[in-house]
Amino acid sequence: MSSQRAPDAAPARRAGRVAIIGRPNVGKSTLLNRLVGAKVSITSSKPQTTRQRMTGIVTHGAGQIVFVDTPGYQLEHPSTLNRAMNRSVAAGLESVDAVVWVVEALRYDGRDEAVARLLPPRIPVVLAINKTDAVKDRKRLLPFIAQLSEARAFVAIIPLSAAKGWQTGDLLDTLVALLPEGEPLHDADDITTVHERDLAAELLREKVIRFLGDELPYAAMVEIDQFKQEGEMRRIHASIVVDKDGQKPIVIGKGGKTLKAIASRARRDMEALFGGKVFLEVWVKVRKGWADSEARRLGAAE
């Protein structure tokens, strides 16, 4: 018998899908972007920024995680569109291998309770307590963690900061260990399954929310009328669609100033994400009743 030590076996390769859920404005999209290392989901201080399920792909060590970022579960504004997005949240929990439930540090209320009731009983759940960088006295987190740990048996409870990147590596390590053994589902350098055309629409809609969130909180959507790639350059024609005639001049602004600023910021984000020059032209259209049409689209997608 040889006395030499056998070399350590290579870690098993793992791959699977993980849903990120939580009430509005807890930082789900910020967390997804941090984990992926690129802006694949739009962010804003306004709740319900995310309207559709976005995906992010992370190859970490011997594992590959396909994240599904869902819209924030909405109880306060029971519109047709919000009800459709809530159904999208529930659908996002189907056929996943694990769930990351994101709550905000020291802030837990009935909206979080509603999300807790959606947690599937037989799927492992990791509790991510976000925005810990805003907590000056970290000792206050201990009773908060103890309170939440009574809700159910979590695989792990990880205090983190998506904005600062604190402990996001620990979250990835924990999630990879929960995935089934298997080959990667995508190429190692893939970061999302979302088409560039849809990413462009989302980046433009983010800027509409950021510039006009108080005046036009949820009354706009974005359509890509043309998307052409010419070498390293992308030529994009897009429309911002509003519900009422009076909303159009709000988006355009005096002398077109607001629309130009929205388009300029969106173009810079697109160039950073796509890694090439973007030629972007944006128009504003009025289409009454678009929210009901969007709700029907989300419902059909499920």
Protein backbone atom coordinates (compact mmCIF):
# COMPACT_ATOMS: atom_id res chain seq x y z
CA MET A 1 0.00 0.00 0.00
CA SER A 2 1.37 3.37 -0.98
CA SER A 3 1.91 5.90 1.77
CA GLN A 4 1.48 8.78 -0.65
CA ARG A 5 -1.61 10.90 -0.15
CA ALA A 6 -4.10 10.75 -3.02
CA PRO A 7 -4.67 14.08 -4.71
CA ASP A 8 -7.82 15.91 -3.68
CA ALA A 9 -10.71 15.20 -6.01
CA ALA A 10 -11.86 18.12 -8.11
CA PRO A 11 -15.09 19.66 -6.78
CA ALA A 12 -18.23 18.42 -8.47
CA ARG A 13 -19.61 20.71 -11.13
CA ARG A 14 -22.98 22.17 -10.25
CA ALA A 15 -25.57 24.20 -12.15
CA GLY A 16 -29.11 25.37 -11.54
CA ARG A 17 -31.66 28.16 -11.24
CA VAL A 18 -32.12 30.48 -8.26
CA ALA A 19 -35.02 32.93 -7.80
CA ILE A 20 -34.47 36.29 -6.13
CA ILE A 21 -37.65 37.53 -4.45
CA GLY A 22 -38.68 40.26 -2.04
CA ARG A 23 -41.03 43.17 -1.61
CA PRO A 24 -40.48 46.33 -3.69
CA ASN A 25 -37.38 48.42 -3.11
CA VAL A 26 -35.32 45.98 -1.02
CA GLY A 27 -32.53 45.94 -3.60
CA LYS A 28 -33.17 42.76 -5.60
CA SER A 29 -32.04 44.23 -8.91
CA THR A 30 -29.02 45.89 -7.32
CA LEU A 31 -28.07 42.53 -5.83
CA LEU A 32 -28.47 40.75 -9.17
CA ASN A 33 -26.31 43.33 -10.94
CA ARG A 34 -23.64 43.03 -8.22
CA LEU A 35 -23.55 39.24 -8.45
CA VAL A 36 -23.41 39.27 -12.25
CA GLY A 37 -20.92 42.12 -12.41
CA ALA A 38 -22.93 44.00 -15.05
CA LYS A 39 -26.16 45.96 -15.26
CA VAL A 40 -28.67 43.39 -16.48
CA SER A 41 -31.60 44.61 -14.35
CA ILE A 42 -32.69 48.22 -13.93
CA THR A 43 -32.72 49.94 -10.56
CA SER A 44 -34.49 52.91 -9.01
CA SER A 45 -35.59 54.18 -5.61
CA LYS A 46 -39.16 53.83 -6.91
CA PRO A 47 -40.88 50.51 -6.14
CA GLN A 48 -41.94 48.26 -9.01
CA THR A 49 -39.10 49.36 -11.27
CA THR A 50 -38.73 45.77 -12.50
CA ARG A 51 -41.79 44.68 -14.52
CA GLN A 52 -40.63 41.40 -15.96
CA ARG A 53 -38.51 38.48 -14.87
CA MET A 54 -34.87 39.26 -15.65
CA THR A 55 -32.09 36.67 -15.63
CA GLY A 56 -28.46 36.89 -14.70
CA ILE A 57 -25.84 34.17 -15.16
CA VAL A 58 -22.93 33.77 -12.75
CA THR A 59 -20.19 31.17 -13.20
CA HIS A 60 -18.58 30.88 -9.77
CA GLY A 61 -15.91 28.31 -9.03
CA ALA A 62 -17.23 24.91 -10.09
CA GLY A 63 -20.81 26.12 -10.29
CA GLN A 64 -23.06 28.13 -12.56
CA ILE A 65 -26.10 29.95 -11.19
CA VAL A 66 -28.90 31.24 -13.40
CA PHE A 67 -30.57 33.94 -11.31
CA VAL A 68 -34.17 35.00 -11.89
CA ASP A 69 -34.92 38.53 -10.65
CA THR A 70 -38.66 38.95 -10.11
CA PRO A 71 -40.76 42.12 -9.76
CA GLY A 72 -41.32 43.30 -6.20
CA TYR A 73 -44.49 41.77 -4.74
CA GLN A 74 -46.97 44.64 -4.62
CA LEU A 75 -49.90 45.00 -2.20
CA GLU A 76 -50.41 48.77 -2.07
CA HIS A 77 -51.64 49.48 -5.60
CA PRO A 78 -53.92 46.66 -6.82
CA SER A 79 -53.99 47.62 -10.49
CA THR A 80 -54.37 45.12 -13.32
CA LEU A 81 -50.69 45.50 -14.17
CA ASN A 82 -49.55 45.01 -10.56
CA ARG A 83 -51.72 41.92 -10.17
CA ALA A 84 -50.13 40.49 -13.31
CA MET A 85 -46.65 41.24 -11.92
CA ASN A 86 -47.55 39.54 -8.64
CA ARG A 87 -48.48 36.43 -10.60
CA SER A 88 -45.10 36.76 -12.30
CA VAL A 89 -43.42 36.64 -8.87
CA ALA A 90 -45.20 33.39 -8.01
CA ALA A 91 -44.34 31.92 -11.42
CA GLY A 92 -40.69 32.81 -10.84
CA LEU A 93 -40.59 30.29 -7.98
CA GLU A 94 -41.49 27.39 -10.21
CA SER A 95 -38.76 24.98 -11.26
CA VAL A 96 -35.94 26.61 -9.28
CA ASP A 97 -33.35 24.85 -7.16
CA ALA A 98 -33.10 27.53 -4.46
CA VAL A 99 -34.54 30.90 -3.47
CA VAL A 100 -32.86 34.06 -2.20
CA TRP A 101 -35.35 36.02 -0.13
CA VAL A 102 -34.16 39.63 0.17
CA VAL A 103 -35.30 41.78 3.09
CA GLU A 104 -34.08 45.21 4.13
CA ALA A 105 -32.05 45.42 7.32
CA LEU A 106 -34.17 46.44 10.35
CA ARG A 107 -37.25 46.95 8.15
CA TYR A 108 -39.81 44.19 8.04
CA ASP A 109 -43.56 44.66 7.63
CA GLY A 110 -46.71 43.14 6.16
CA ARG A 111 -45.33 43.38 2.63
CA ASP A 112 -42.48 41.09 3.62
CA GLU A 113 -44.96 38.76 5.33
CA ALA A 114 -46.86 38.48 2.03
CA VAL A 115 -43.66 37.42 0.29
CA ALA A 116 -42.88 34.93 3.08
CA ARG A 117 -46.17 33.19 2.35
CA LEU A 118 -44.98 32.60 -1.22
CA LEU A 119 -41.84 30.75 -0.17
CA PRO A 120 -42.08 27.15 -1.39
CA PRO A 121 -41.86 24.70 1.54
CA ARG A 122 -39.65 22.12 -0.15
CA ILE A 123 -37.09 24.41 -1.81
CA PRO A 124 -34.05 25.66 0.16
CA VAL A 125 -34.25 29.36 1.00
CA VAL A 126 -31.34 31.67 1.79
CA LEU A 127 -32.30 34.84 3.64
CA ALA A 128 -30.28 37.83 2.40
CA ILE A 129 -30.51 40.84 4.72
CA ASN A 130 -29.61 43.74 2.45
CA LYS A 131 -28.57 47.36 3.07
CA THR A 132 -26.55 46.52 6.17
CA ASP A 133 -24.17 49.33 5.22
CA ALA A 134 -26.91 51.74 6.36
CA VAL A 135 -26.95 50.24 9.89
CA LYS A 136 -24.52 52.15 12.10
CA ASP A 137 -24.89 49.91 15.15
CA ARG A 138 -24.41 46.35 13.88
CA LYS A 139 -25.53 44.92 17.22
CA ARG A 140 -29.06 45.91 16.27
CA LEU A 141 -28.96 43.26 13.55
CA LEU A 142 -28.78 40.38 16.05
CA PRO A 143 -32.37 40.61 17.40
CA PHE A 144 -33.59 41.30 13.86
CA ILE A 145 -31.93 38.12 12.60
CA ALA A 146 -33.31 36.17 15.57
CA GLN A 147 -36.82 37.41 14.79
CA LEU A 148 -36.64 36.34 11.16
CA SER A 149 -35.04 32.98 11.94
CA GLU A 150 -38.25 32.02 13.75
CA ALA A 151 -40.25 32.34 10.52
CA ARG A 152 -38.79 29.19 8.98
CA ALA A 153 -35.66 27.08 8.77
CA PHE A 154 -33.34 28.91 6.39
CA VAL A 155 -30.34 27.21 4.81
CA ALA A 156 -28.37 30.33 5.70
CA ILE A 157 -28.94 33.91 6.83
CA ILE A 158 -26.44 36.30 5.22
CA PRO A 159 -26.30 40.00 6.13
CA LEU A 160 -24.88 41.85 3.13
CA SER A 161 -24.77 45.05 1.14
CA ALA A 162 -25.53 44.74 -2.55
CA ALA A 163 -24.50 48.37 -3.09
CA LYS A 164 -21.08 47.88 -1.46
CA GLY A 165 -20.55 44.24 -2.39
CA TRP A 166 -20.22 43.12 1.24
CA GLN A 167 -20.56 39.34 1.69
CA THR A 168 -21.97 38.77 -1.78
CA GLY A 169 -19.19 36.23 -2.34
CA ASP A 170 -20.43 34.29 0.70
CA LEU A 171 -23.90 34.28 -0.85
CA LEU A 172 -22.55 32.81 -4.09
CA ASP A 173 -20.60 30.11 -2.21
CA THR A 174 -23.74 29.14 -0.29
CA LEU A 175 -25.91 28.99 -3.39
CA VAL A 176 -23.49 26.92 -5.47
CA ALA A 177 -23.47 24.26 -2.75
CA LEU A 178 -27.28 24.01 -3.03
CA LEU A 179 -27.33 23.33 -6.77
CA PRO A 180 -27.61 19.86 -8.27
CA GLU A 181 -24.56 18.32 -9.89
CA GLY A 182 -24.45 18.92 -13.61
CA GLU A 183 -22.76 20.66 -16.49
CA PRO A 184 -23.09 24.44 -16.99
CA LEU A 185 -26.30 25.54 -18.65
CA HIS A 186 -24.62 28.40 -20.53
CA ASP A 187 -21.17 29.50 -21.70
CA ALA A 188 -18.91 30.72 -18.92
CA ASP A 189 -18.83 34.29 -20.26
CA ASP A 190 -22.63 34.61 -20.64
CA ILE A 191 -24.22 37.06 -18.20
CA THR A 192 -27.91 36.95 -19.15
CA THR A 193 -30.46 35.16 -21.32
CA VAL A 194 -32.23 38.44 -22.05
CA HIS A 195 -31.84 39.73 -25.61
CA GLU A 196 -29.96 42.98 -26.17
CA ARG A 197 -33.12 44.48 -27.65
CA ASP A 198 -34.98 43.94 -24.36
CA LEU A 199 -32.04 45.15 -22.29
CA ALA A 200 -32.00 48.37 -24.31
CA ALA A 201 -35.71 48.89 -23.62
CA GLU A 202 -35.21 48.33 -19.89
CA LEU A 203 -32.25 50.72 -19.67
CA LEU A 204 -34.26 53.44 -21.40
CA ARG A 205 -37.26 52.84 -19.13
CA GLU A 206 -35.00 53.12 -16.10
CA LYS A 207 -33.98 56.61 -17.17
CA VAL A 208 -37.63 57.62 -17.65
CA ILE A 209 -38.31 56.53 -14.06
CA ARG A 210 -35.22 58.28 -12.70
CA PHE A 211 -35.95 61.58 -14.46
CA LEU A 212 -39.74 61.58 -14.15
CA GLY A 213 -40.54 59.24 -11.27
CA ASP A 214 -42.51 61.85 -9.34
CA GLU A 215 -44.43 63.21 -12.33
CA LEU A 216 -44.82 59.98 -14.30
CA PRO A 217 -44.29 57.11 -11.83
CA TYR A 218 -45.66 54.13 -13.77
CA ALA A 219 -47.42 55.64 -16.74
CA ALA A 220 -44.78 54.86 -19.35
CA MET A 221 -43.37 51.89 -21.20
CA VAL A 222 -40.66 51.54 -23.86
CA GLU A 223 -40.81 49.84 -27.24
CA ILE A 224 -37.81 49.18 -29.49
CA ASP A 225 -38.89 50.00 -33.04
CA GLN A 226 -35.57 49.12 -34.67
CA PHE A 227 -32.44 47.38 -33.43
CA LYS A 228 -29.61 46.88 -35.93
CA GLN A 229 -26.02 45.91 -35.30
CA GLU A 230 -23.49 47.28 -37.74
CA GLY A 231 -20.09 45.91 -36.78
CA GLU A 232 -19.46 47.07 -33.22
CA MET A 233 -22.15 49.76 -33.42
CA ARG A 234 -25.81 49.30 -32.57
CA ARG A 235 -28.42 51.52 -34.21
CA ILE A 236 -31.53 51.71 -32.01
CA HIS A 237 -34.83 53.51 -32.61
CA ALA A 238 -37.11 53.49 -29.56
CA SER A 239 -40.46 54.91 -28.44
CA ILE A 240 -41.50 55.95 -24.95
CA VAL A 241 -45.22 55.16 -24.77
CA VAL A 242 -47.46 57.10 -22.38
CA ASP A 243 -51.14 56.72 -21.54
CA LYS A 244 -52.42 60.31 -21.83
CA ASP A 245 -51.91 63.26 -24.16
CA GLY A 246 -50.85 65.48 -21.26
CA GLN A 247 -48.00 63.16 -20.38
CA LYS A 248 -46.21 63.55 -23.70
CA PRO A 249 -44.94 67.13 -23.10
CA ILE A 250 -43.76 66.06 -19.63
CA VAL A 251 -41.46 63.46 -21.18
CA ILE A 252 -40.25 65.79 -23.92
CA GLY A 253 -39.65 68.76 -21.62
CA LYS A 254 -39.08 72.38 -22.59
CA GLY A 255 -37.28 72.50 -25.91
CA GLY A 256 -36.88 68.72 -25.80
CA LYS A 257 -34.41 69.03 -22.91
CA THR A 258 -35.82 66.21 -20.76
CA LEU A 259 -36.05 63.72 -23.61
CA LYS A 260 -32.49 64.50 -24.70
CA ALA A 261 -31.20 63.94 -21.17
CA ILE A 262 -33.09 60.64 -20.84
CA ALA A 263 -31.76 59.39 -24.18
CA SER A 264 -28.20 60.50 -23.46
CA ARG A 265 -28.03 58.70 -20.10
CA ALA A 266 -29.62 55.57 -21.57
CA ARG A 267 -27.20 55.56 -24.49
CA ARG A 268 -24.19 55.69 -22.15
CA ASP A 269 -25.48 52.73 -20.14
CA MET A 270 -26.14 50.76 -23.32
CA GLU A 271 -22.62 51.41 -24.58
CA ALA A 272 -21.16 50.27 -21.25
CA LEU A 273 -23.23 47.07 -21.24
CA PHE A 274 -22.90 46.20 -24.94
CA GLY A 275 -19.25 47.19 -25.20
CA GLY A 276 -19.65 49.28 -28.35
CA LYS A 277 -20.97 52.51 -29.83
CA VAL A 278 -24.74 53.07 -29.75
CA PHE A 279 -26.71 55.40 -32.00
CA LEU A 280 -30.02 56.00 -30.21
CA GLU A 281 -33.07 57.90 -31.41
CA VAL A 282 -36.09 58.21 -29.12
CA TRP A 283 -39.65 59.38 -29.78
CA VAL A 284 -42.68 59.77 -27.50
CA LYS A 285 -46.04 58.20 -28.40
CA VAL A 286 -49.46 58.29 -26.75
CA ARG A 287 -51.33 54.98 -26.51
CA LYS A 288 -54.28 54.94 -24.17
CA GLY A 289 -54.83 51.73 -22.22
CA TRP A 290 -51.31 50.37 -22.68
CA ALA A 291 -51.13 49.20 -19.02
CA ASP A 292 -54.00 46.77 -19.51
CA SER A 293 -52.33 45.45 -22.66
CA GLU A 294 -49.06 44.97 -20.75
CA ALA A 295 -50.92 43.13 -17.99
CA ARG A 296 -52.44 40.79 -20.56
CA ARG A 297 -48.97 40.19 -22.04
CA LEU A 298 -47.52 39.29 -18.65
CA GLY A 299 -50.43 36.99 -17.97
CA ALA A 300 -49.98 35.25 -21.31
CA ALA A 301 -46.26 34.81 -20.65
CA GLU A 302 -46.96 32.72 -17.59
